[in-house]
PDB file of N, CA and C in Angstrom:
ATOM      1  N   MET A   1     -58.726 -20.880 -26.876  1.00  0.00           N
ATOM      2  CA  MET A   1     -60.132 -20.556 -26.852  1.00  0.00           C
ATOM      3  C   MET A   1     -60.852 -21.062 -28.098  1.00  0.00           C
ATOM      4  N   GLU A   2     -60.116 -21.417 -29.134  1.00  0.00           N
ATOM      5  CA  GLU A   2     -60.759 -21.875 -30.360  1.00  0.00           C
ATOM      6  C   GLU A   2     -61.434 -23.227 -30.160  1.00  0.00           C
ATOM      7  N   LYS A   3     -60.973 -24.013 -29.177  1.00  0.00           N
ATOM      8  CA  LYS A   3     -61.577 -25.311 -28.901  1.00  0.00           C
ATOM      9  C   LYS A   3     -63.026 -25.164 -28.439  1.00  0.00           C
ATOM     10  N   PHE A   4     -63.306 -24.115 -27.681  1.00  0.00           N
ATOM     11  CA  PHE A   4     -64.617 -23.966 -27.071  1.00  0.00           C
ATOM     12  C   PHE A   4     -65.668 -23.457 -28.047  1.00  0.00           C
ATOM     13  N   GLY A   5     -65.300 -22.695 -29.030  1.00  0.00           N
ATOM     14  CA  GLY A   5     -66.245 -22.189 -30.009  1.00  0.00           C
ATOM     15  C   GLY A   5     -67.111 -21.077 -29.439  1.00  0.00           C
ATOM     16  N   ALA A   6     -68.160 -20.748 -30.153  1.00  0.00           N
ATOM     17  CA  ALA A   6     -69.032 -19.644 -29.775  1.00  0.00           C
ATOM     18  C   ALA A   6     -69.797 -19.944 -28.490  1.00  0.00           C
ATOM     19  N   ALA A   7     -70.246 -21.172 -28.325  1.00  0.00           N
ATOM     20  CA  ALA A   7     -71.002 -21.528 -27.123  1.00  0.00           C
ATOM     21  C   ALA A   7     -70.126 -21.402 -25.876  1.00  0.00           C
ATOM     22  N   GLY A   8     -68.874 -21.787 -26.001  1.00  0.00           N
ATOM     23  CA  GLY A   8     -67.949 -21.654 -24.878  1.00  0.00           C
ATOM     24  C   GLY A   8     -67.689 -20.204 -24.529  1.00  0.00           C
ATOM     25  N   LEU A   9     -67.581 -19.349 -25.542  1.00  0.00           N
ATOM     26  CA  LEU A   9     -67.368 -17.926 -25.290  1.00  0.00           C
ATOM     27  C   LEU A   9     -68.582 -17.299 -24.607  1.00  0.00           C
ATOM     28  N   ILE A  10     -69.767 -17.708 -25.022  1.00  0.00           N
ATOM     29  CA  ILE A  10     -70.982 -17.176 -24.394  1.00  0.00           C
ATOM     30  C   ILE A  10     -71.065 -17.634 -22.943  1.00  0.00           C
ATOM     31  N   LEU A  11     -70.731 -18.884 -22.684  1.00  0.00           N
ATOM     32  CA  LEU A  11     -70.743 -19.405 -21.325  1.00  0.00           C
ATOM     33  C   LEU A  11     -69.716 -18.693 -20.456  1.00  0.00           C
ATOM     34  N   PHE A  12     -68.531 -18.472 -21.001  1.00  0.00           N
ATOM     35  CA  PHE A  12     -67.478 -17.770 -20.268  1.00  0.00           C
ATOM     36  C   PHE A  12     -67.876 -16.323 -20.003  1.00  0.00           C
ATOM     37  N   ALA A  13     -68.516 -15.680 -20.969  1.00  0.00           N
ATOM     38  CA  ALA A  13     -68.976 -14.301 -20.789  1.00  0.00           C
ATOM     39  C   ALA A  13     -70.040 -14.235 -19.698  1.00  0.00           C
ATOM     40  N   ALA A  14     -70.955 -15.206 -19.661  1.00  0.00           N
ATOM     41  CA  ALA A  14     -71.986 -15.241 -18.624  1.00  0.00           C
ATOM     42  C   ALA A  14     -71.355 -15.442 -17.248  1.00  0.00           C
ATOM     43  N   PHE A  15     -70.326 -16.291 -17.182  1.00  0.00           N
ATOM     44  CA  PHE A  15     -69.621 -16.514 -15.924  1.00  0.00           C
ATOM     45  C   PHE A  15     -68.942 -15.234 -15.452  1.00  0.00           C
ATOM     46  N   LEU A  16     -68.261 -14.539 -16.354  1.00  0.00           N
ATOM     47  CA  LEU A  16     -67.597 -13.288 -15.986  1.00  0.00           C
ATOM     48  C   LEU A  16     -68.600 -12.234 -15.546  1.00  0.00           C
ATOM     49  N   LEU A  17     -69.710 -12.155 -16.244  1.00  0.00           N
ATOM     50  CA  LEU A  17     -70.748 -11.186 -15.895  1.00  0.00           C
ATOM     51  C   LEU A  17     -71.333 -11.479 -14.516  1.00  0.00           C
ATOM     52  N   ALA A  18     -71.647 -12.742 -14.254  1.00  0.00           N
ATOM     53  CA  ALA A  18     -72.212 -13.120 -12.957  1.00  0.00           C
ATOM     54  C   ALA A  18     -71.213 -12.879 -11.835  1.00  0.00           C
ATOM     55  N   THR A  19     -69.955 -13.222 -12.072  1.00  0.00           N
ATOM     56  CA  THR A  19     -68.927 -13.002 -11.053  1.00  0.00           C
ATOM     57  C   THR A  19     -68.753 -11.519 -10.766  1.00  0.00           C
ATOM     58  N   GLY A  20     -68.722 -10.718 -11.798  1.00  0.00           N
ATOM     59  CA  GLY A  20     -68.604  -9.270 -11.620  1.00  0.00           C
ATOM     60  C   GLY A  20     -69.774  -8.681 -10.856  1.00  0.00           C
ATOM     61  N   LEU A  21     -70.982  -9.135 -11.155  1.00  0.00           N
ATOM     62  CA  LEU A  21     -72.157  -8.625 -10.446  1.00  0.00           C
ATOM     63  C   LEU A  21     -72.133  -9.015  -8.974  1.00  0.00           C
ATOM     64  N   VAL A  22     -71.742 -10.250  -8.687  1.00  0.00           N
ATOM     65  CA  VAL A  22     -71.685 -10.701  -7.293  1.00  0.00           C
ATOM     66  C   VAL A  22     -70.627  -9.919  -6.528  1.00  0.00           C
ATOM     67  N   LEU A  23     -69.493  -9.653  -7.156  1.00  0.00           N
ATOM     68  CA  LEU A  23     -68.434  -8.915  -6.476  1.00  0.00           C
ATOM     69  C   LEU A  23     -68.822  -7.457  -6.236  1.00  0.00           C
ATOM     70  N   ARG A  24     -69.593  -6.879  -7.117  1.00  0.00           N
ATOM     71  CA  ARG A  24     -70.012  -5.491  -6.950  1.00  0.00           C
ATOM     72  C   ARG A  24     -71.167  -5.361  -5.957  1.00  0.00           C
ATOM     73  N   TRP A  25     -71.942  -6.391  -5.809  1.00  0.00           N
ATOM     74  CA  TRP A  25     -73.085  -6.401  -4.930  1.00  0.00           C
ATOM     75  C   TRP A  25     -72.620  -6.576  -3.494  1.00  0.00           C
ATOM     76  N   ASP A  26     -73.412  -6.245  -2.532  1.00  0.00           N
ATOM     77  CA  ASP A  26     -73.042  -6.411  -1.127  1.00  0.00           C
ATOM     78  C   ASP A  26     -73.223  -7.837  -0.639  1.00  0.00           C
ATOM     79  N   LEU A  27     -73.501  -8.738  -1.544  1.00  0.00           N
ATOM     80  CA  LEU A  27     -73.712 -10.133  -1.171  1.00  0.00           C
ATOM     81  C   LEU A  27     -72.452 -10.740  -0.553  1.00  0.00           C
ATOM     82  N   ILE A  28     -71.296 -10.382  -1.082  1.00  0.00           N
ATOM     83  CA  ILE A  28     -70.044 -10.941  -0.570  1.00  0.00           C
ATOM     84  C   ILE A  28     -69.844 -10.556   0.896  1.00  0.00           C
ATOM     85  N   ASP A  29     -70.113  -9.296   1.251  1.00  0.00           N
ATOM     86  CA  ASP A  29     -69.971  -8.871   2.645  1.00  0.00           C
ATOM     87  C   ASP A  29     -70.899  -9.667   3.553  1.00  0.00           C
ATOM     88  N   TRP A  30     -72.114  -9.892   3.088  1.00  0.00           N
ATOM     89  CA  TRP A  30     -73.076 -10.650   3.881  1.00  0.00           C
ATOM     90  C   TRP A  30     -72.616 -12.093   4.043  1.00  0.00           C
ATOM     91  N   LEU A  31     -72.103 -12.684   2.964  1.00  0.00           N
ATOM     92  CA  LEU A  31     -71.632 -14.069   3.042  1.00  0.00           C
ATOM     93  C   LEU A  31     -70.442 -14.211   3.981  1.00  0.00           C
ATOM     94  N   ILE A  32     -69.513 -13.253   3.919  1.00  0.00           N
ATOM     95  CA  ILE A  32     -68.347 -13.296   4.801  1.00  0.00           C
ATOM     96  C   ILE A  32     -68.788 -13.179   6.256  1.00  0.00           C
ATOM     97  N   ASP A  33     -69.739 -12.287   6.539  1.00  0.00           N
ATOM     98  CA  ASP A  33     -70.240 -12.145   7.905  1.00  0.00           C
ATOM     99  C   ASP A  33     -70.929 -13.422   8.369  1.00  0.00           C
ATOM    100  N   ALA A  34     -71.730 -14.026   7.499  1.00  0.00           N
ATOM    101  CA  ALA A  34     -72.454 -15.246   7.866  1.00  0.00           C
ATOM    102  C   ALA A  34     -71.491 -16.397   8.124  1.00  0.00           C
ATOM    103  N   VAL A  35     -70.504 -16.562   7.274  1.00  0.00           N
ATOM    104  CA  VAL A  35     -69.531 -17.645   7.451  1.00  0.00           C
ATOM    105  C   VAL A  35     -68.703 -17.403   8.711  1.00  0.00           C
ATOM    106  N   GLY A  36     -68.344 -16.155   8.972  1.00  0.00           N
ATOM    107  CA  GLY A  36     -67.616 -15.835  10.201  1.00  0.00           C
ATOM    108  C   GLY A  36     -68.425 -16.193  11.434  1.00  0.00           C
ATOM    109  N   PHE A  37     -69.720 -15.867  11.410  1.00  0.00           N
ATOM    110  CA  PHE A  37     -70.592 -16.227  12.531  1.00  0.00           C
ATOM    111  C   PHE A  37     -70.659 -17.743  12.703  1.00  0.00           C
ATOM    112  N   LEU A  38     -70.749 -18.476  11.593  1.00  0.00           N
ATOM    113  CA  LEU A  38     -70.801 -19.937  11.682  1.00  0.00           C
ATOM    114  C   LEU A  38     -69.521 -20.510  12.285  1.00  0.00           C
ATOM    115  N   PHE A  39     -68.359 -19.955  11.917  1.00  0.00           N
ATOM    116  CA  PHE A  39     -67.095 -20.420  12.492  1.00  0.00           C
ATOM    117  C   PHE A  39     -67.045 -20.139  13.995  1.00  0.00           C
ATOM    118  N   ILE A  40     -67.507 -18.958  14.400  1.00  0.00           N
ATOM    119  CA  ILE A  40     -67.511 -18.617  15.820  1.00  0.00           C
ATOM    120  C   ILE A  40     -68.438 -19.557  16.578  1.00  0.00           C
ATOM    121  N   ALA A  41     -69.639 -19.779  16.050  1.00  0.00           N
ATOM    122  CA  ALA A  41     -70.599 -20.665  16.711  1.00  0.00           C
ATOM    123  C   ALA A  41     -70.051 -22.090  16.787  1.00  0.00           C
ATOM    124  N   ALA A  42     -69.448 -22.578  15.708  1.00  0.00           N
ATOM    125  CA  ALA A  42     -68.888 -23.929  15.707  1.00  0.00           C
ATOM    126  C   ALA A  42     -67.740 -24.040  16.706  1.00  0.00           C
ATOM    127  N   GLY A  43     -66.929 -23.006  16.821  1.00  0.00           N
ATOM    128  CA  GLY A  43     -65.837 -23.017  17.793  1.00  0.00           C
ATOM    129  C   GLY A  43     -66.345 -23.050  19.224  1.00  0.00           C
ATOM    130  N   LEU A  44     -67.394 -22.262  19.498  1.00  0.00           N
ATOM    131  CA  LEU A  44     -67.963 -22.257  20.842  1.00  0.00           C
ATOM    132  C   LEU A  44     -68.585 -23.609  21.189  1.00  0.00           C
ATOM    133  N   ILE A  45     -69.306 -24.181  20.256  1.00  0.00           N
ATOM    134  CA  ILE A  45     -69.947 -25.476  20.505  1.00  0.00           C
ATOM    135  C   ILE A  45     -68.898 -26.569  20.691  1.00  0.00           C
ATOM    136  N   THR A  46     -67.878 -26.579  19.843  1.00  0.00           N
ATOM    137  CA  THR A  46     -66.822 -27.589  19.957  1.00  0.00           C
ATOM    138  C   THR A  46     -66.063 -27.444  21.265  1.00  0.00           C
ATOM    139  N   GLY A  47     -65.773 -26.216  21.663  1.00  0.00           N
ATOM    140  CA  GLY A  47     -65.091 -25.991  22.934  1.00  0.00           C
ATOM    141  C   GLY A  47     -65.919 -26.433  24.121  1.00  0.00           C
ATOM    142  N   ALA A  48     -67.225 -26.148  24.064  1.00  0.00           N
ATOM    143  CA  ALA A  48     -68.105 -26.556  25.154  1.00  0.00           C
ATOM    144  C   ALA A  48     -68.188 -28.074  25.253  1.00  0.00           C
ATOM    145  N   VAL A  49     -68.309 -28.752  24.126  1.00  0.00           N
ATOM    146  CA  VAL A  49     -68.356 -30.217  24.129  1.00  0.00           C
ATOM    147  C   VAL A  49     -67.041 -30.781  24.657  1.00  0.00           C
ATOM    148  N   GLY A  50     -65.926 -30.181  24.266  1.00  0.00           N
ATOM    149  CA  GLY A  50     -64.625 -30.635  24.760  1.00  0.00           C
ATOM    150  C   GLY A  50     -64.490 -30.472  26.256  1.00  0.00           C
ATOM    151  N   LEU A  51     -64.953 -29.326  26.779  1.00  0.00           N
ATOM    152  CA  LEU A  51     -64.891 -29.108  28.226  1.00  0.00           C
ATOM    153  C   LEU A  51     -65.799 -30.081  28.972  1.00  0.00           C
ATOM    154  N   ILE A  52     -66.979 -30.317  28.446  1.00  0.00           N
ATOM    155  CA  ILE A  52     -67.898 -31.261  29.092  1.00  0.00           C
ATOM    156  C   ILE A  52     -67.288 -32.655  29.121  1.00  0.00           C
ATOM    157  N   ARG A  53     -66.705 -33.079  28.023  1.00  0.00           N
ATOM    158  CA  ARG A  53     -66.084 -34.424  27.992  1.00  0.00           C
ATOM    159  C   ARG A  53     -64.870 -34.486  28.914  1.00  0.00           C
ATOM    160  N   LEU A  54     -64.148 -33.371  29.022  1.00  0.00           N
ATOM    161  CA  LEU A  54     -62.971 -33.344  29.886  1.00  0.00           C
ATOM    162  C   LEU A  54     -63.371 -33.514  31.346  1.00  0.00           C
ATOM    163  N   PHE A  55     -64.412 -32.800  31.771  1.00  0.00           N
ATOM    164  CA  PHE A  55     -64.806 -32.834  33.175  1.00  0.00           C
ATOM    165  C   PHE A  55     -65.683 -34.028  33.543  1.00  0.00           C
ATOM    166  N   THR A  56     -66.378 -34.606  32.576  1.00  0.00           N
ATOM    167  CA  THR A  56     -67.228 -35.751  32.909  1.00  0.00           C
ATOM    168  C   THR A  56     -66.518 -37.078  32.668  1.00  0.00           C
ATOM    169  N   GLY A  57     -65.294 -37.028  32.204  1.00  0.00           N
ATOM    170  CA  GLY A  57     -64.552 -38.259  31.989  1.00  0.00           C
ATOM    171  C   GLY A  57     -64.985 -39.009  30.763  1.00  0.00           C
ATOM    172  N   GLY A  58     -65.217 -38.282  29.694  1.00  0.00           N
ATOM    173  CA  GLY A  58     -65.585 -38.924  28.425  1.00  0.00           C
ATOM    174  C   GLY A  58     -64.489 -39.835  27.935  1.00  0.00           C
ATOM    175  N   ARG A  59     -64.774 -40.615  26.931  1.00  0.00           N
ATOM    176  CA  ARG A  59     -63.794 -41.582  26.417  1.00  0.00           C
ATOM    177  C   ARG A  59     -62.494 -40.913  26.042  1.00  0.00           C
ATOM    178  N   LYS A  60     -61.416 -41.411  26.618  1.00  0.00           N
ATOM    179  CA  LYS A  60     -60.065 -40.964  26.324  1.00  0.00           C
ATOM    180  C   LYS A  60     -59.938 -39.442  26.384  1.00  0.00           C
ATOM    181  N   GLY A  61     -60.516 -38.832  27.369  1.00  0.00           N
ATOM    182  CA  GLY A  61     -60.425 -37.389  27.537  1.00  0.00           C
ATOM    183  C   GLY A  61     -59.720 -37.058  28.835  1.00  0.00           C
ATOM    184  N   GLY A  62     -59.070 -35.931  28.886  1.00  0.00           N
ATOM    185  CA  GLY A  62     -58.436 -35.476  30.110  1.00  0.00           C
ATOM    186  C   GLY A  62     -57.168 -36.236  30.427  1.00  0.00           C
ATOM    187  N   ALA A  63     -56.894 -36.365  31.750  1.00  0.00           N
ATOM    188  CA  ALA A  63     -55.654 -36.978  32.212  1.00  0.00           C
ATOM    189  C   ALA A  63     -55.628 -38.479  31.999  1.00  0.00           C
ATOM    190  N   GLU A  64     -56.808 -39.096  31.889  1.00  0.00           N
ATOM    191  CA  GLU A  64     -56.840 -40.541  31.712  1.00  0.00           C
ATOM    192  C   GLU A  64     -56.285 -40.987  30.362  1.00  0.00           C
ATOM    193  N   ALA A  65     -56.220 -40.089  29.401  1.00  0.00           N
ATOM    194  CA  ALA A  65     -55.770 -40.449  28.060  1.00  0.00           C
ATOM    195  C   ALA A  65     -54.271 -40.709  28.010  1.00  0.00           C
ATOM    196  N   PHE A  66     -53.557 -40.249  29.008  1.00  0.00           N
ATOM    197  CA  PHE A  66     -52.094 -40.385  28.979  1.00  0.00           C
ATOM    198  C   PHE A  66     -51.696 -41.599  29.682  1.00  0.00           C
TER     199      PHE A  66
END
């Protein structure tokens, strides 16, 4: 830690303080819920596109790919 000096210690303290505040705040729960929703939506959209390509004979999709 001696390499960083006083400015490095202040920066590290600010980082620890900000991280602690974010973890104590309900922001993390909201972010986890939002990211979970995005994964679900992306999975549904990707599955729908895959099914559409499978049934409409998209490039190299379905039984023709083998």
